[in-house]
Amino acid sequence: MAVLKTKQTITTLLSRRLLNSPSTRTLETLAFEEVRSSSQKPHTSTAFILHGLLGSGRNWRSFSRNLASTLSSSNSAPTSEWRMVLVDLRNHGKSAELEGFAPPHDLYNAAKDLADLVKEKAWAWPDVVIGHSLGGKVALQFAQSCAREQLWVLDSVPGEVSAENSDGEVEKVLKTLQSLPSSIPSRRWLVNHMIELGFSKSLSEWIGSNLKKSGEQETWAFNLEGAVQMFNSYRETSYWSLLEHPPAGMEINMVVAEKSDRWDPEIIQRLESLASRSGGDSAGNVSLHVLPNSGHWVHVDNPKGLLDIVAPKIASLST
């Protein structure tokens, strides 16, 4: 146990040192887009929005617009103006088209990319980080190295995810995509092919939405092999230590989708136990929220319910 704690301490110290050191990358930083309720007012606060595996920042445009609008009209923070930064993680979205993201493609380097983006743009550190699924663990890694005031982890299991505790759907999707040619005849062909293999129509259409035109063919809008490595890192990395000992001033909000198939009762019980503790002045806090009527795709299944959970707490930062 002592050896494990020592190893975790060393890892954390190295993470902080690397994230705070001058960036050695001379090429592009992460692709992103900004969403604000008004382009006429200067922003006073910033939230980073991190998507899940094989997704991109654009998946969160609608939710981010509603969140920014809700916060700007909040009675508890009438003078605040929030900026939502929708990031494309390495190997995903428009970041997949850029150079300079050296391996290993893991959570540590994905979080370091965020720090490099902040430093490259000479921004202040974000006030809030919201991450879904894979992005939730990137957010935890980012917070572990650069403590943020408020963190939201949306339907993302914080510990290791063994194959025995998984329904195997993600693994099956990745293996199927790896078996396909790099150039796809058409989006219709891909959707029909996925359905024939037994995948749902909604999942097949979402996979198809990740294609982009390349001449007469369609290619992926993500770097598949890099994404697979990131998924492996997601499964192998645990942040229970961070949840058990959050830094002073940090609030970690864990959101569990009511109908999600990714949660074991033991994990929920462990989160409930952490949420029931009082952090005191010398430690941060963990909160647990259950999003009703939602599966894993929280921003699609119940965006209003998610907004009702997230917005009031974020607005409280400006009071």
Protein backbone atom coordinates (compact mmCIF):
# COMPACT_ATOMS: atom_id res chain seq x y z
CA MET A 1 0.00 0.00 0.00
CA ALA A 2 2.83 2.39 0.89
CA VAL A 3 4.56 1.61 -2.42
CA LEU A 4 1.34 2.32 -4.31
CA LYS A 5 0.83 5.67 -2.56
CA THR A 6 4.46 6.61 -3.25
CA LYS A 7 4.06 5.75 -6.92
CA GLN A 8 0.87 7.82 -7.14
CA THR A 9 2.60 10.77 -5.46
CA ILE A 10 5.54 10.61 -7.86
CA THR A 11 3.18 10.38 -10.85
CA THR A 12 1.24 13.43 -9.68
CA LEU A 13 4.41 15.45 -9.11
CA LEU A 14 5.73 14.53 -12.55
CA SER A 15 2.39 15.44 -14.10
CA ARG A 16 2.43 18.87 -12.49
CA ARG A 17 6.04 19.46 -13.48
CA LEU A 18 5.40 18.58 -17.12
CA LEU A 19 2.17 20.55 -17.34
CA ASN A 20 3.81 23.63 -15.85
CA SER A 21 7.00 23.38 -17.90
CA PRO A 22 7.45 25.23 -21.19
CA SER A 23 5.83 23.34 -24.05
CA THR A 24 8.26 21.63 -26.43
CA ARG A 25 5.67 21.39 -29.23
CA THR A 26 6.31 23.82 -32.05
CA LEU A 27 3.40 22.72 -34.24
CA GLU A 28 -0.35 23.14 -33.81
CA THR A 29 -2.26 22.93 -30.56
CA LEU A 30 -5.73 21.44 -30.22
CA ALA A 31 -8.53 22.54 -32.52
CA PHE A 32 -11.44 24.18 -30.75
CA GLU A 33 -14.41 26.47 -31.19
CA GLU A 34 -15.95 29.01 -28.83
CA VAL A 35 -19.62 29.28 -27.92
CA ARG A 36 -20.93 32.37 -26.15
CA SER A 37 -24.36 33.84 -25.54
CA SER A 38 -23.22 37.26 -26.74
CA SER A 39 -20.34 38.35 -28.93
CA GLN A 40 -20.78 41.93 -27.77
CA LYS A 41 -19.63 41.41 -24.18
CA PRO A 42 -16.17 40.30 -23.03
CA HIS A 43 -16.26 36.95 -21.28
CA THR A 44 -15.62 36.83 -17.56
CA SER A 45 -15.41 33.04 -17.11
CA THR A 46 -14.47 30.00 -19.18
CA ALA A 47 -15.59 26.39 -19.29
CA PHE A 48 -13.83 23.67 -21.29
CA ILE A 49 -16.14 21.03 -22.83
CA LEU A 50 -14.52 17.66 -23.59
CA HIS A 51 -16.25 15.09 -25.81
CA GLY A 52 -16.15 11.29 -25.65
CA LEU A 53 -14.46 8.56 -27.70
CA LEU A 54 -14.75 8.99 -31.50
CA GLY A 55 -16.67 12.25 -30.97
CA SER A 56 -15.74 15.91 -31.37
CA GLY A 57 -16.52 19.27 -29.87
CA ARG A 58 -19.35 19.86 -32.33
CA ASN A 59 -21.36 17.11 -30.61
CA TRP A 60 -21.78 19.53 -27.70
CA ARG A 61 -22.69 22.73 -29.58
CA SER A 62 -26.39 22.70 -28.77
CA PHE A 63 -25.92 21.92 -25.09
CA SER A 64 -23.13 24.51 -24.79
CA ARG A 65 -25.26 27.24 -26.38
CA ASN A 66 -28.07 26.52 -23.94
CA LEU A 67 -25.67 26.44 -20.99
CA ALA A 68 -24.04 29.76 -21.97
CA SER A 69 -27.46 31.37 -22.45
CA THR A 70 -28.75 30.05 -19.13
CA LEU A 71 -25.69 31.28 -17.24
CA SER A 72 -25.78 34.74 -18.84
CA SER A 73 -29.41 35.19 -17.79
CA SER A 74 -28.93 33.78 -14.29
CA ASN A 75 -30.17 36.03 -11.49
CA SER A 76 -27.41 34.74 -9.23
CA ALA A 77 -24.70 35.95 -11.62
CA PRO A 78 -26.14 38.87 -13.63
CA THR A 79 -22.79 40.35 -14.64
CA SER A 80 -21.07 37.12 -15.66
CA GLU A 81 -20.46 36.21 -19.29
CA TRP A 82 -19.37 32.63 -19.92
CA ARG A 83 -17.29 31.34 -22.79
CA MET A 84 -17.60 27.65 -23.69
CA VAL A 85 -14.50 26.23 -25.36
CA LEU A 86 -15.43 23.07 -27.26
CA VAL A 87 -12.18 21.16 -27.67
CA ASP A 88 -11.38 18.44 -30.20
CA LEU A 89 -9.12 16.04 -28.29
CA ARG A 90 -6.05 14.61 -30.00
CA ASN A 91 -6.94 12.07 -32.73
CA HIS A 92 -10.48 13.47 -32.88
CA GLY A 93 -12.35 16.02 -34.99
CA LYS A 94 -10.24 18.74 -36.55
CA SER A 95 -7.36 17.96 -34.17
CA ALA A 96 -6.94 14.66 -36.04
CA GLU A 97 -5.89 16.70 -39.09
CA LEU A 98 -3.12 18.48 -37.20
CA GLU A 99 0.46 17.43 -36.57
CA GLY A 100 2.46 17.55 -33.38
CA PHE A 101 0.54 15.16 -31.12
CA ALA A 102 3.29 12.68 -30.32
CA PRO A 103 2.54 9.27 -28.79
CA PRO A 104 1.78 7.74 -26.44
CA HIS A 105 -1.86 8.57 -27.04
CA ASP A 106 -3.02 8.37 -23.46
CA LEU A 107 -4.96 10.38 -20.89
CA TYR A 108 -1.82 12.04 -19.56
CA ASN A 109 -0.87 13.51 -22.94
CA ALA A 110 -4.48 14.36 -23.77
CA ALA A 111 -4.58 16.46 -20.58
CA LYS A 112 -1.20 17.99 -21.39
CA ASP A 113 -2.62 19.06 -24.75
CA LEU A 114 -5.19 21.14 -22.86
CA ALA A 115 -2.47 22.78 -20.81
CA ASP A 116 -0.48 23.49 -23.98
CA LEU A 117 -3.55 25.10 -25.54
CA VAL A 118 -4.02 27.38 -22.52
CA LYS A 119 -0.37 28.42 -22.56
CA GLU A 120 -0.22 28.88 -26.35
CA LYS A 121 -3.25 31.17 -26.31
CA ALA A 122 -2.09 32.94 -23.13
CA TRP A 123 -5.46 32.23 -21.53
CA ALA A 124 -6.30 32.08 -17.86
CA TRP A 125 -6.93 28.55 -16.65
CA PRO A 126 -10.58 27.51 -17.18
CA ASP A 127 -12.92 27.95 -14.25
CA VAL A 128 -14.87 24.81 -15.11
CA VAL A 129 -14.06 21.63 -17.03
CA ILE A 130 -16.88 19.38 -18.26
CA GLY A 131 -15.96 16.00 -19.71
CA HIS A 132 -18.16 13.20 -21.06
CA SER A 133 -17.10 9.54 -21.08
CA LEU A 134 -13.47 9.49 -22.33
CA GLY A 135 -13.45 13.27 -21.90
CA GLY A 136 -14.47 12.79 -18.27
CA LYS A 137 -11.25 10.97 -17.50
CA VAL A 138 -9.22 13.51 -19.46
CA ALA A 139 -10.84 16.13 -17.24
CA LEU A 140 -9.85 14.19 -14.13
CA GLN A 141 -6.25 13.94 -15.34
CA PHE A 142 -6.21 17.66 -16.17
CA ALA A 143 -7.59 18.52 -12.73
CA GLN A 144 -5.08 16.23 -11.04
CA SER A 145 -2.23 18.15 -12.62
CA CYS A 146 -3.74 21.65 -12.72
CA ALA A 147 -6.37 21.99 -10.01
CA ARG A 148 -9.58 23.60 -11.24
CA GLU A 149 -12.37 25.07 -9.17
CA GLN A 150 -15.20 22.95 -10.55
CA LEU A 151 -15.07 19.69 -12.47
CA TRP A 152 -17.91 17.75 -14.11
CA VAL A 153 -17.46 14.08 -15.03
CA LEU A 154 -20.42 12.89 -17.12
CA ASP A 155 -21.16 9.16 -17.10
CA SER A 156 -17.50 8.19 -16.92
CA VAL A 157 -16.37 5.40 -14.58
CA PRO A 158 -13.46 6.87 -12.56
CA GLY A 159 -11.63 3.60 -11.92
CA GLU A 160 -10.18 0.89 -14.11
CA VAL A 161 -12.66 -0.72 -16.50
CA SER A 162 -11.97 -4.41 -16.94
CA ALA A 163 -13.28 -6.42 -19.88
CA GLU A 164 -15.33 -8.50 -17.44
CA ASN A 165 -17.24 -5.39 -16.34
CA SER A 166 -17.94 -4.20 -19.89
CA ASP A 167 -20.65 -5.27 -22.29
CA GLY A 168 -17.99 -5.24 -25.00
CA GLU A 169 -19.91 -2.95 -27.37
CA VAL A 170 -17.18 -0.30 -27.56
CA GLU A 171 -14.54 -2.96 -28.17
CA LYS A 172 -16.70 -4.51 -30.89
CA VAL A 173 -17.21 -1.14 -32.57
CA LEU A 174 -13.48 -0.41 -32.57
CA LYS A 175 -12.59 -3.86 -33.92
CA THR A 176 -15.22 -3.49 -36.64
CA LEU A 177 -13.89 -0.09 -37.67
CA GLN A 178 -10.34 -1.45 -37.71
CA SER A 179 -11.46 -4.19 -40.12
CA LEU A 180 -12.88 -1.71 -42.62
CA PRO A 181 -10.91 -0.11 -45.46
CA SER A 182 -9.49 3.35 -44.74
CA SER A 183 -11.71 4.77 -47.49
CA ILE A 184 -15.43 4.06 -47.17
CA PRO A 185 -17.61 3.93 -50.34
CA SER A 186 -20.35 6.06 -48.79
CA ARG A 187 -22.04 6.93 -45.50
CA ARG A 188 -25.10 4.91 -46.52
CA TRP A 189 -22.90 1.87 -47.17
CA LEU A 190 -21.29 2.19 -43.73
CA VAL A 191 -24.59 2.57 -41.87
CA ASN A 192 -26.11 -0.43 -43.64
CA HIS A 193 -22.96 -2.48 -43.05
CA MET A 194 -22.96 -1.70 -39.31
CA ILE A 195 -26.66 -2.58 -39.01
CA GLU A 196 -26.07 -5.88 -40.82
CA LEU A 197 -23.38 -6.66 -38.23
CA GLY A 198 -25.94 -6.26 -35.46
CA PHE A 199 -25.36 -2.68 -34.30
CA SER A 200 -28.35 -0.45 -33.59
CA LYS A 201 -29.52 2.03 -36.22
CA SER A 202 -28.84 5.03 -33.95
CA LEU A 203 -25.29 3.89 -33.19
CA SER A 204 -24.64 3.07 -36.84
CA GLU A 205 -25.85 6.51 -37.94
CA TRP A 206 -23.72 8.20 -35.29
CA ILE A 207 -20.66 6.30 -36.51
CA GLY A 208 -21.56 7.40 -40.03
CA SER A 209 -21.66 11.04 -38.91
CA ASN A 210 -17.92 10.77 -38.23
CA LEU A 211 -17.12 10.42 -41.93
CA LYS A 212 -15.81 13.26 -44.08
CA LYS A 213 -15.62 13.58 -47.84
CA SER A 214 -12.27 12.90 -49.49
CA GLY A 215 -12.63 13.02 -53.28
CA GLU A 216 -15.08 10.30 -54.28
CA GLN A 217 -14.58 8.41 -51.02
CA GLU A 218 -15.36 8.94 -47.35
CA THR A 219 -12.66 8.84 -44.66
CA TRP A 220 -12.79 8.99 -40.88
CA ALA A 221 -12.86 12.32 -39.09
CA PHE A 222 -10.72 10.74 -36.38
CA ASN A 223 -7.40 8.91 -36.16
CA LEU A 224 -8.69 5.42 -35.41
CA GLU A 225 -5.49 3.83 -34.13
CA GLY A 226 -4.76 6.80 -31.88
CA ALA A 227 -8.33 6.70 -30.56
CA VAL A 228 -7.96 3.00 -29.78
CA GLN A 229 -4.84 3.76 -27.72
CA MET A 230 -6.74 6.48 -25.85
CA PHE A 231 -9.56 4.03 -25.10
CA ASN A 232 -7.05 1.53 -23.73
CA SER A 233 -5.62 4.25 -21.49
CA TYR A 234 -9.18 5.09 -20.37
CA ARG A 235 -9.75 1.49 -19.34
CA GLU A 236 -6.42 1.10 -17.55
CA THR A 237 -6.30 4.37 -15.57
CA SER A 238 -7.89 4.99 -12.18
CA TYR A 239 -8.65 8.30 -10.48
CA TRP A 240 -10.10 6.96 -7.24
CA SER A 241 -7.15 8.47 -5.37
CA LEU A 242 -8.08 11.94 -6.66
CA LEU A 243 -11.73 11.45 -5.68
CA GLU A 244 -10.73 10.25 -2.22
CA HIS A 245 -8.38 13.21 -1.69
CA PRO A 246 -9.49 16.14 -3.88
CA PRO A 247 -7.34 19.26 -3.46
CA ALA A 248 -8.65 22.08 -1.30
CA GLY A 249 -11.13 24.24 -3.17
CA MET A 250 -11.86 21.67 -5.88
CA GLU A 251 -15.41 20.43 -6.42
CA ILE A 252 -15.71 17.22 -8.42
CA ASN A 253 -19.23 16.52 -9.68
CA MET A 254 -19.89 12.96 -10.82
CA VAL A 255 -22.99 12.58 -13.02
CA VAL A 256 -24.40 9.07 -13.44
CA ALA A 257 -27.00 8.51 -16.16
CA GLU A 258 -29.94 6.60 -14.68
CA LYS A 259 -30.24 4.16 -17.59
CA SER A 260 -26.52 3.85 -18.35
CA ASP A 261 -25.20 0.29 -18.46
CA ARG A 262 -21.69 1.28 -17.33
CA TRP A 263 -22.17 1.35 -13.58
CA ASP A 264 -21.84 -1.48 -11.07
CA PRO A 265 -23.67 -1.12 -7.73
CA GLU A 266 -20.35 -1.26 -5.90
CA ILE A 267 -19.04 1.77 -7.80
CA ILE A 268 -22.21 3.75 -7.12
CA GLN A 269 -21.98 2.87 -3.43
CA ARG A 270 -18.36 4.00 -3.33
CA LEU A 271 -19.27 7.33 -4.95
CA GLU A 272 -22.18 7.80 -2.52
CA SER A 273 -19.79 7.23 0.37
CA LEU A 274 -17.35 9.84 -0.96
CA ALA A 275 -20.17 12.33 -1.59
CA SER A 276 -21.47 11.94 1.97
CA ARG A 277 -18.18 13.03 3.49
CA SER A 278 -17.54 16.61 4.53
CA GLY A 279 -14.37 17.86 2.90
CA GLY A 280 -13.76 20.63 5.42
CA ASP A 281 -11.49 23.57 4.78
CA SER A 282 -8.42 21.48 3.99
CA ALA A 283 -9.92 19.31 1.23
CA GLY A 284 -12.15 19.48 -1.79
CA ASN A 285 -15.52 17.83 -2.23
CA VAL A 286 -17.14 15.15 -4.36
CA SER A 287 -20.79 15.40 -5.35
CA LEU A 288 -22.91 12.69 -6.98
CA HIS A 289 -25.81 13.47 -9.31
CA VAL A 290 -28.15 11.02 -11.04
CA LEU A 291 -29.50 12.16 -14.41
CA PRO A 292 -32.98 10.65 -14.87
CA ASN A 293 -34.35 9.27 -18.14
CA SER A 294 -30.95 9.09 -19.77
CA GLY A 295 -28.58 6.52 -21.12
CA HIS A 296 -24.88 7.12 -21.72
CA TRP A 297 -25.46 9.89 -24.30
CA VAL A 298 -26.49 12.40 -21.65
CA HIS A 299 -26.50 15.51 -23.87
CA VAL A 300 -28.82 13.79 -26.35
CA ASP A 301 -31.06 11.69 -24.08
CA ASN A 302 -31.89 14.37 -21.51
CA PRO A 303 -30.16 17.69 -22.27
CA LYS A 304 -32.64 19.73 -20.23
CA GLY A 305 -32.18 17.50 -17.19
CA LEU A 306 -28.42 17.79 -17.51
CA LEU A 307 -28.68 21.56 -17.84
CA ASP A 308 -30.82 21.72 -14.69
CA ILE A 309 -28.09 19.86 -12.77
CA VAL A 310 -25.06 21.68 -14.15
CA ALA A 311 -26.15 25.30 -14.61
CA PRO A 312 -27.02 26.26 -10.99
CA LYS A 313 -23.72 24.98 -9.64
CA ILE A 314 -21.68 26.72 -12.30
CA ALA A 315 -23.64 29.94 -11.77
CA SER A 316 -22.79 29.81 -8.06
CA LEU A 317 -19.12 30.36 -8.93
CA SER A 318 -19.92 33.92 -9.99
CA THR A 319 -21.84 34.91 -6.87
